[in-house]
Amino acid sequence: MKITKTSHPQLVALMQRTYPDYKGRKFYIEVQANEFSTISYWDGGSKDYFKFVRADGKMLQVDSNTHPALQYKENRTTKLCPGLACVRHSFFCGHDSGLTLMLCPEDMPKAIVLNDERNEKDMPKQTEKIN
């Protein structure tokens, strides 16, 4: 879900503190209930950078995962727990795609959840076929 400085100033401020050199205006928030990959090397002009932040705003020091050889040796997936957030800085085909704040469902602010539920009612339901 796209957010702005006016709609969610505290969340945008948190993302800007995490990446102080970021000067763009693209900010997103997503619920991340499952494990996600922390691959962080250039692949076809695309790359993601990951930084982890605690609920009190302090950043965690996490080893960089920037070399493809390391990625294949180790399974680099992460699952967020309550009180921990991840800020992802994405590049797609060489272009800056913005910052995304990933939160576990328990930490999702109530106002954003209510806004998402309202948007979901307006959208058609999508179903997955499970074999």
Protein backbone atom coordinates (compact mmCIF):
# COMPACT_ATOMS: atom_id res chain seq x y z
CA MET A 1 0.00 0.00 0.00
CA LYS A 2 1.40 3.38 -0.95
CA ILE A 3 1.72 5.95 1.84
CA THR A 4 2.81 9.60 1.87
CA LYS A 5 4.40 12.08 4.27
CA THR A 6 1.00 13.64 4.91
CA SER A 7 -0.97 10.40 5.34
CA HIS A 8 1.51 8.62 7.66
CA PRO A 9 4.26 11.06 8.75
CA GLN A 10 5.68 8.87 11.55
CA LEU A 11 6.13 5.82 9.32
CA VAL A 12 7.73 7.86 6.54
CA ALA A 13 10.05 9.52 9.10
CA LEU A 14 11.11 6.07 10.34
CA MET A 15 11.94 4.97 6.79
CA GLN A 16 13.87 8.18 6.11
CA ARG A 17 15.91 7.72 9.32
CA THR A 18 16.73 4.19 8.18
CA TYR A 19 17.94 5.39 4.76
CA PRO A 20 19.04 9.03 5.37
CA ASP A 21 20.46 9.42 1.84
CA TYR A 22 17.11 8.56 0.22
CA LYS A 23 15.63 11.67 -1.41
CA GLY A 24 12.69 10.09 -3.26
CA ARG A 25 8.96 10.25 -2.59
CA LYS A 26 7.96 6.60 -3.04
CA PHE A 27 6.94 5.00 0.26
CA TYR A 28 5.05 1.76 0.75
CA ILE A 29 3.93 -0.42 3.63
CA GLU A 30 3.17 -4.13 3.52
CA VAL A 31 2.21 -6.87 5.93
CA GLN A 32 4.75 -9.67 5.89
CA ALA A 33 3.34 -12.68 7.74
CA ASN A 34 5.49 -15.28 5.95
CA GLU A 35 9.21 -15.75 5.46
CA PHE A 36 10.80 -13.58 2.78
CA SER A 37 14.10 -13.74 0.95
CA THR A 38 16.84 -11.26 1.77
CA ILE A 39 18.72 -11.65 -1.51
CA SER A 40 20.72 -8.45 -1.87
CA TYR A 41 22.86 -8.56 -4.99
CA TRP A 42 22.42 -7.14 -8.49
CA ASP A 43 20.44 -9.47 -10.73
CA GLY A 44 19.32 -8.23 -14.14
CA GLY A 45 19.50 -4.58 -13.11
CA SER A 46 17.41 -5.13 -9.97
CA LYS A 47 18.47 -5.16 -6.33
CA ASP A 48 16.99 -4.86 -2.85
CA TYR A 49 18.71 -3.55 0.26
CA PHE A 50 17.38 -4.57 3.69
CA LYS A 51 17.69 -2.86 7.06
CA PHE A 52 15.98 -4.05 10.22
CA VAL A 53 14.51 -1.71 12.84
CA ARG A 54 13.19 -2.45 16.31
CA ALA A 55 9.95 -0.95 17.62
CA ASP A 56 11.92 1.64 19.61
CA GLY A 57 13.50 2.94 16.38
CA LYS A 58 16.98 1.44 16.87
CA MET A 59 18.52 -0.26 13.84
CA LEU A 60 19.87 -3.80 14.07
CA GLN A 61 23.28 -4.61 12.64
CA VAL A 62 22.84 -7.47 10.17
CA ASP A 63 25.54 -8.94 7.95
CA SER A 64 25.32 -7.92 4.32
CA ASN A 65 24.23 -10.56 1.84
CA THR A 66 25.59 -9.11 -1.38
CA HIS A 67 27.47 -11.92 -3.06
CA PRO A 68 25.68 -14.57 -5.17
CA ALA A 69 28.03 -17.34 -4.00
CA LEU A 70 26.99 -16.74 -0.40
CA GLN A 71 23.32 -16.80 -1.34
CA TYR A 72 23.56 -20.29 -2.77
CA LYS A 73 25.48 -21.64 0.22
CA GLU A 74 23.07 -20.29 2.80
CA ASN A 75 19.32 -20.11 2.91
CA ARG A 76 18.85 -16.39 3.58
CA THR A 77 15.19 -16.06 4.49
CA THR A 78 13.78 -14.04 7.34
CA LYS A 79 10.51 -13.98 9.23
CA LEU A 80 9.56 -10.88 11.16
CA CYS A 81 8.49 -11.15 14.78
CA PRO A 82 6.42 -8.60 16.72
CA GLY A 83 8.48 -5.51 17.49
CA LEU A 84 10.76 -5.92 14.47
CA ALA A 85 10.32 -4.22 11.11
CA CYS A 86 12.27 -4.35 7.86
CA VAL A 87 12.79 -1.40 5.54
CA ARG A 88 13.54 -2.49 1.96
CA HIS A 89 15.10 -0.11 -0.59
CA SER A 90 14.36 -1.50 -4.05
CA PHE A 91 15.80 -0.90 -7.48
CA PHE A 92 14.06 -2.39 -10.52
CA CYS A 93 15.81 -2.37 -13.90
CA GLY A 94 18.22 0.24 -12.57
CA HIS A 95 15.49 2.65 -11.40
CA ASP A 96 14.79 3.50 -7.77
CA SER A 97 11.48 1.89 -6.75
CA GLY A 98 11.29 3.45 -3.28
CA LEU A 99 11.22 2.33 0.33
CA THR A 100 8.91 -0.34 1.73
CA LEU A 101 8.24 -0.80 5.44
CA MET A 102 7.50 -4.47 6.10
CA LEU A 103 5.71 -5.29 9.37
CA CYS A 104 4.32 -8.44 10.91
CA PRO A 105 0.50 -8.42 11.20
CA GLU A 106 0.58 -7.79 14.98
CA ASP A 107 2.45 -4.49 14.50
CA MET A 108 0.28 -3.13 11.71
CA PRO A 109 -1.20 0.23 12.81
CA LYS A 110 -4.97 0.04 13.22
CA ALA A 111 -5.69 2.99 10.90
CA ILE A 112 -3.82 1.34 8.04
CA VAL A 113 -5.56 -2.00 8.60
CA LEU A 114 -8.97 -0.30 8.51
CA ASN A 115 -8.01 1.52 5.32
CA ASP A 116 -6.89 -1.77 3.70
CA GLU A 117 -10.14 -3.51 4.69
CA ARG A 118 -12.15 -0.71 3.09
CA ASN A 119 -10.11 -1.03 -0.11
CA GLU A 120 -10.50 -4.83 -0.15
CA LYS A 121 -14.30 -4.56 -0.05
CA ASP A 122 -14.19 -2.51 -3.25
CA MET A 123 -11.92 -4.98 -5.05
CA PRO A 124 -12.98 -8.33 -6.50
CA LYS A 125 -11.83 -11.37 -4.53
CA GLN A 126 -8.95 -13.37 -5.95
CA THR A 127 -8.74 -17.06 -5.25
CA GLU A 128 -5.83 -19.45 -5.49
CA LYS A 129 -6.08 -23.00 -6.67
CA ILE A 130 -4.26 -25.31 -4.29
CA ASN A 131 -3.34 -28.77 -5.50
